N, C-alpha and C. Protein backbone atom coordinates (compact mmCIF):
# COMPACT_ATOMS: atom_id res chain seq x y z
N MET A 1 35.50 21.67 11.42
CA MET A 1 36.84 21.24 11.66
C MET A 1 36.53 21.96 12.51
N LYS A 2 36.01 22.79 12.75
CA LYS A 2 35.79 23.30 14.17
C LYS A 2 35.19 22.31 15.21
N ARG A 3 34.75 21.88 15.23
CA ARG A 3 34.07 20.98 15.33
C ARG A 3 34.83 19.21 16.21
N ILE A 4 35.86 19.33 14.55
CA ILE A 4 36.85 17.98 15.57
C ILE A 4 37.46 18.70 16.16
N LEU A 5 37.92 19.61 15.87
CA LEU A 5 39.21 20.97 17.18
C LEU A 5 38.91 20.35 18.24
N ALA A 6 37.06 21.06 18.64
CA ALA A 6 36.43 21.58 20.15
C ALA A 6 36.50 20.05 20.84
N PHE A 7 36.33 18.85 19.59
CA PHE A 7 35.88 17.61 20.38
C PHE A 7 37.19 17.33 20.66
N LEU A 8 38.61 17.50 19.89
CA LEU A 8 39.69 16.97 20.33
C LEU A 8 40.36 17.53 21.73
N CYS A 9 39.90 18.60 21.78
CA CYS A 9 40.68 19.56 22.77
C CYS A 9 39.14 19.00 24.08
N ALA A 10 38.25 19.02 24.39
CA ALA A 10 37.25 18.45 25.99
C ALA A 10 37.59 16.97 25.79
N GLY A 11 38.01 16.43 24.96
CA GLY A 11 38.73 14.87 25.34
C GLY A 11 39.96 14.88 26.28
N LEU A 12 41.06 16.06 25.82
CA LEU A 12 42.62 15.81 26.23
C LEU A 12 41.85 16.27 27.19
N ALA A 13 41.28 17.36 27.57
CA ALA A 13 41.03 17.90 29.08
C ALA A 13 40.44 16.79 30.28
N ALA A 14 38.99 16.15 29.17
CA ALA A 14 38.69 15.65 30.21
C ALA A 14 39.58 14.10 30.55
N ALA A 15 40.23 13.60 29.46
CA ALA A 15 41.53 13.02 30.09
C ALA A 15 42.56 13.15 31.30
N SER A 16 42.81 14.02 30.91
CA SER A 16 44.02 15.26 32.17
C SER A 16 43.50 14.96 33.56
N SER A 17 42.21 15.40 33.56
CA SER A 17 41.10 15.46 34.71
C SER A 17 41.12 14.56 36.03
N ALA A 18 41.26 13.22 35.15
CA ALA A 18 41.20 11.82 35.95
C ALA A 18 42.13 12.16 37.31
N THR A 19 41.24 11.59 38.67
CA THR A 19 41.67 11.30 39.34
C THR A 19 42.92 11.03 39.70
N ALA A 20 43.07 9.30 39.01
CA ALA A 20 44.48 8.83 39.45
C ALA A 20 45.28 9.11 37.62
N GLN A 21 46.42 8.91 38.91
CA GLN A 21 47.38 9.24 37.79
C GLN A 21 48.16 8.14 36.68
N PRO A 22 47.75 8.16 35.40
CA PRO A 22 48.57 7.03 34.96
C PRO A 22 50.16 6.93 35.17
N ALA A 23 50.40 6.09 35.17
CA ALA A 23 51.97 5.89 34.99
C ALA A 23 52.96 6.78 33.93
N PRO A 24 54.19 7.13 34.36
CA PRO A 24 55.04 8.02 33.50
C PRO A 24 54.74 7.50 31.89
N ASP A 25 54.81 5.98 31.89
CA ASP A 25 54.80 5.04 30.52
C ASP A 25 53.59 5.28 29.62
N ALA A 26 52.06 4.90 30.65
CA ALA A 26 50.43 5.54 29.51
C ALA A 26 50.57 7.08 29.44
N LEU A 27 51.36 7.73 29.80
CA LEU A 27 51.38 9.34 30.44
C LEU A 27 51.65 9.53 28.74
N GLN A 28 53.48 8.53 28.80
CA GLN A 28 53.77 8.87 26.87
C GLN A 28 53.05 8.07 25.75
N GLN A 29 52.34 7.91 26.08
CA GLN A 29 51.72 6.57 25.01
C GLN A 29 50.49 7.69 24.88
N ARG A 30 49.75 8.13 25.60
CA ARG A 30 48.19 8.46 25.37
C ARG A 30 49.10 9.56 24.76
N TYR A 31 50.41 10.50 24.90
CA TYR A 31 50.74 11.76 23.64
C TYR A 31 50.96 11.38 22.74
N GLU A 32 51.99 9.77 22.14
CA GLU A 32 51.75 9.42 21.27
C GLU A 32 50.65 8.82 20.63
N ARG A 33 49.82 8.66 21.04
CA ARG A 33 48.68 8.06 20.33
C ARG A 33 47.52 9.88 20.04
N GLU A 34 48.13 10.57 20.46
CA GLU A 34 46.94 11.93 20.59
C GLU A 34 47.59 11.93 19.27
N ILE A 35 49.43 12.89 19.47
CA ILE A 35 50.20 13.11 18.71
C ILE A 35 50.02 12.54 16.75
N ALA A 36 49.71 11.29 17.07
CA ALA A 36 49.26 10.43 15.89
C ALA A 36 47.78 10.83 15.30
N ALA A 37 46.74 10.78 16.43
CA ALA A 37 45.45 11.35 15.75
C ALA A 37 45.82 12.34 15.21
N CYS A 38 46.15 13.66 15.15
CA CYS A 38 46.46 15.11 15.06
C CYS A 38 47.62 15.14 13.61
N ASN A 39 48.40 13.80 13.67
CA ASN A 39 48.68 13.76 12.01
C ASN A 39 48.63 12.94 10.86
N ARG A 40 46.76 12.98 10.84
CA ARG A 40 46.19 11.87 10.52
C ARG A 40 46.15 12.56 8.59
N GLY A 41 46.63 13.60 8.93
CA GLY A 41 46.18 14.48 7.31
C GLY A 41 44.93 14.99 7.61
N ASN A 42 43.93 14.54 8.64
CA ASN A 42 42.58 14.98 8.72
C ASN A 42 42.36 16.57 8.59
N LEU A 43 43.41 16.79 8.85
CA LEU A 43 43.20 18.79 9.57
C LEU A 43 43.74 19.84 9.36
N PRO A 44 43.41 20.66 8.76
CA PRO A 44 44.46 21.48 8.07
C PRO A 44 45.48 21.99 9.16
N ALA A 45 46.82 22.86 8.68
CA ALA A 45 47.82 22.81 9.50
C ALA A 45 47.28 23.91 10.53
N PRO A 46 46.78 24.64 10.57
CA PRO A 46 46.09 25.39 12.21
C PRO A 46 45.73 24.67 12.84
N ALA A 47 44.82 23.98 11.93
CA ALA A 47 44.46 22.81 13.62
C ALA A 47 45.53 22.08 14.13
N ARG A 48 45.37 20.84 13.03
CA ARG A 48 47.29 19.82 13.35
C ARG A 48 47.61 20.70 14.55
N GLU A 49 48.16 22.19 14.12
CA GLU A 49 49.39 22.68 14.94
C GLU A 49 49.00 22.77 16.67
N ALA A 50 47.37 22.76 16.51
CA ALA A 50 47.00 23.80 17.93
C ALA A 50 46.11 21.54 18.01
N CYS A 51 46.00 20.80 17.56
CA CYS A 51 46.52 19.77 18.66
C CYS A 51 47.35 19.06 19.06
N ILE A 52 48.62 19.46 18.22
CA ILE A 52 49.77 18.87 18.88
C ILE A 52 50.01 19.88 19.75
N ARG A 53 49.53 21.15 19.89
CA ARG A 53 49.63 22.20 21.30
C ARG A 53 49.14 21.18 22.06
N ALA A 54 48.26 21.20 22.20
CA ALA A 54 46.63 20.98 23.13
C ALA A 54 48.19 19.33 23.95
N ALA A 55 48.30 18.15 22.57
CA ALA A 55 48.29 17.11 23.10
C ALA A 55 49.48 17.36 24.21
N GLY A 56 50.56 18.27 24.02
CA GLY A 56 51.61 18.71 24.81
C GLY A 56 51.05 19.09 26.27
N ASN A 57 50.56 20.54 25.92
CA ASN A 57 49.78 20.83 27.50
C ASN A 57 49.15 19.77 27.69
N ALA A 58 48.11 18.47 27.55
CA ALA A 58 47.33 17.41 28.62
C ALA A 58 49.39 16.71 29.26
N LEU A 59 50.02 16.08 28.47
CA LEU A 59 51.13 15.92 28.95
C LEU A 59 51.59 16.47 30.00
N ASP A 60 51.93 18.28 29.78
CA ASP A 60 52.39 18.84 30.79
C ASP A 60 51.43 18.74 31.92
N ARG A 61 50.63 18.75 31.68
CA ARG A 61 49.31 18.29 33.22
C ARG A 61 49.27 17.62 33.64
N ALA A 62 49.25 16.85 32.91
CA ALA A 62 49.20 15.37 33.53
C ALA A 62 50.42 14.56 34.63
N ARG A 63 51.72 15.00 33.86
CA ARG A 63 53.18 15.19 35.08
C ARG A 63 52.75 16.23 35.47
N GLY A 64 52.45 17.09 36.04
CA GLY A 64 51.56 18.24 37.45
C GLY A 64 53.08 19.59 36.73
N GLY A 65 52.82 19.59 35.27
CA GLY A 65 52.61 21.07 34.48
C GLY A 65 54.34 20.70 34.03
N PRO A 66 54.06 22.19 33.52
CA PRO A 66 55.81 21.55 32.19
C PRO A 66 57.03 21.96 33.17
N PRO A 67 58.07 21.86 32.36
CA PRO A 67 59.92 21.61 34.30
C PRO A 67 59.48 23.47 33.80
N LEU A 68 60.46 23.27 34.67
CA LEU A 68 61.24 24.20 35.36
C LEU A 68 62.08 24.77 34.02
N GLU A 69 61.90 26.29 34.03
CA GLU A 69 63.23 26.72 32.91
C GLU A 69 63.93 27.61 33.73
N VAL A 70 65.05 27.50 34.30
CA VAL A 70 66.48 28.06 34.55
C VAL A 70 67.23 29.02 34.17
N PRO A 71 66.70 30.32 33.96
CA PRO A 71 68.01 31.46 32.89
C PRO A 71 68.89 31.55 34.05
N GLN A 72 69.99 31.33 32.83
CA GLN A 72 71.97 31.27 33.59
C GLN A 72 72.62 32.72 32.25
N PRO A 73 72.97 32.96 33.00
CA PRO A 73 73.75 33.71 32.09
C PRO A 73 75.40 32.61 31.32
N SER A 74 75.49 32.90 29.80
CA SER A 74 76.58 32.94 28.82
C SER A 74 77.77 32.78 29.72
N ALA A 75 78.35 32.06 29.12
CA ALA A 75 80.28 31.83 30.16
C ALA A 75 80.68 33.51 29.47
N ASP A 76 80.31 33.88 28.58
CA ASP A 76 80.86 35.06 28.04
C ASP A 76 79.96 36.79 28.61
N GLY A 77 78.13 36.18 28.94
CA GLY A 77 77.83 37.50 29.02
C GLY A 77 77.08 37.70 28.75
N ARG A 78 77.45 37.60 27.59
CA ARG A 78 76.48 38.07 26.04
C ARG A 78 74.64 37.38 26.18
N ALA A 79 74.65 37.01 26.82
CA ALA A 79 73.24 36.11 25.90
C ALA A 79 73.38 34.89 27.76
N THR A 80 71.16 35.51 27.79
CA THR A 80 71.10 34.54 28.86
C THR A 80 70.47 33.28 28.32
N ILE A 81 70.71 31.94 28.78
CA ILE A 81 70.09 30.66 28.69
C ILE A 81 69.33 30.34 29.22
N VAL A 82 68.04 29.98 28.92
CA VAL A 82 67.15 29.14 29.49
C VAL A 82 67.33 27.41 29.21
N ALA A 83 67.22 26.63 30.87
CA ALA A 83 67.89 26.04 30.09
C ALA A 83 66.84 24.80 31.45
N PRO A 84 66.41 23.60 31.19
CA PRO A 84 66.32 22.58 32.74
C PRO A 84 67.04 22.51 33.50
N PRO A 85 66.36 22.12 34.71
CA PRO A 85 67.06 22.36 35.81
C PRO A 85 68.51 20.89 35.97
N GLY A 86 68.92 21.20 36.38
CA GLY A 86 70.47 20.08 36.40
C GLY A 86 71.36 20.58 34.79
N ALA A 87 70.97 21.18 34.30
CA ALA A 87 71.81 21.38 32.66
C ALA A 87 73.05 21.82 33.00
N ALA A 88 74.32 20.90 32.59
CA ALA A 88 75.35 21.86 33.17
C ALA A 88 75.23 23.53 32.64
N PRO A 89 75.81 24.32 32.66
CA PRO A 89 76.29 25.77 32.27
C PRO A 89 77.03 25.40 31.00
N SER A 90 76.56 26.19 30.77
CA SER A 90 77.45 26.90 29.28
C SER A 90 78.69 26.68 29.03
N SER A 91 79.77 26.46 28.83
CA SER A 91 81.57 27.43 29.30
C SER A 91 82.00 27.68 28.16
N GLY A 92 81.17 27.08 26.73
CA GLY A 92 81.42 27.59 25.34
C GLY A 92 82.17 27.31 24.73
N SER A 93 82.73 26.40 25.17
CA SER A 93 83.76 25.57 24.55
C SER A 93 83.39 24.75 23.68
N ASP A 94 82.02 24.55 23.14
CA ASP A 94 81.43 23.66 22.28
C ASP A 94 81.04 24.06 21.26
N ALA A 95 82.26 25.54 20.80
CA ALA A 95 81.67 26.76 19.95
C ALA A 95 83.19 26.57 19.47
N THR A 96 83.82 26.44 18.59
CA THR A 96 85.39 26.59 17.62
C THR A 96 84.32 27.93 16.80
N THR A 97 85.82 28.39 16.14
CA THR A 97 85.36 29.41 15.30
C THR A 97 86.21 28.13 14.00
N SER A 98 85.76 28.71 12.22
CA SER A 98 86.38 28.24 11.52
C SER A 98 87.96 28.47 11.49
N SER A 99 88.06 27.53 11.05
CA SER A 99 90.12 27.52 10.14
C SER A 99 90.10 28.85 9.33
N ASP A 100 89.04 29.45 8.33
CA ASP A 100 88.69 31.20 7.84
C ASP A 100 88.79 31.70 8.51
N GLY A 101 88.11 32.15 9.75
CA GLY A 101 88.12 32.90 10.93
C GLY A 101 85.80 33.80 10.36
N ARG A 102 85.32 32.96 9.03
CA ARG A 102 84.29 33.77 8.67
C ARG A 102 82.71 32.42 9.60
N ALA A 103 83.18 31.69 10.19
CA ALA A 103 82.20 30.87 10.96
C ALA A 103 82.19 30.49 12.52
N THR A 104 81.19 29.86 13.25
CA THR A 104 80.75 29.61 14.02
C THR A 104 80.66 28.07 14.58
N ILE A 105 81.24 27.24 14.33
CA ILE A 105 80.50 25.89 14.23
C ILE A 105 80.42 25.62 15.96
N VAL A 106 78.90 25.02 16.27
CA VAL A 106 78.71 24.70 17.50
C VAL A 106 78.03 23.62 17.13
N LEU A 107 79.33 22.32 17.74
CA LEU A 107 78.96 21.32 18.22
C LEU A 107 77.75 20.39 18.64
N PRO A 108 77.41 18.66 18.81
CA PRO A 108 76.52 18.91 19.31
C PRO A 108 76.68 17.79 20.30
N ALA A 109 76.00 17.99 21.59
CA ALA A 109 76.41 18.05 22.89
C ALA A 109 77.61 16.22 23.31
N ASP A 110 76.95 15.46 22.23
CA ASP A 110 77.92 14.40 22.27
C ASP A 110 78.73 14.09 21.16
N ARG A 111 79.49 15.71 20.43
CA ARG A 111 80.65 15.44 20.38
C ARG A 111 81.80 16.07 20.32
N THR A 112 82.90 15.05 19.98
CA THR A 112 83.89 16.87 20.55
C THR A 112 84.94 17.48 18.96
N ALA A 113 85.14 18.45 19.01
CA ALA A 113 85.89 19.71 18.35
C ALA A 113 86.94 18.36 17.35
N PRO A 114 86.37 18.68 16.03
CA PRO A 114 87.86 18.43 15.59
C PRO A 114 89.17 18.35 15.26
N GLN A 115 90.72 17.67 15.66
CA GLN A 115 91.55 18.61 15.79
C GLN A 115 92.43 18.88 14.84
N ARG A 116 93.26 19.48 15.09
CA ARG A 116 93.48 20.63 13.65
C ARG A 116 94.77 19.90 13.38
């Protein structure tokens, strides 16, 4: 198992160090092929998880690094939200309290609050 993981990591490192930069679609397709290889079912869970992390790291390196993280305070100032650049700051309007007051409901970004 260790040899398979070492071989896979070496292959990912060699692929990411190529001098010509592939097109973004080619990068995504290569990442998806690597993830499919990780998920074939022949690796134990820790090796599979390491394989998936290595595929993601290789994609990040090929794209010039991981996306930047931009910390921003929440609307009420009680939390720091780490979001990608250009993300709209959280206004707290996406969270509503249930009618009985026992829960806070956070809606997905593409949904609106139910009418009362």
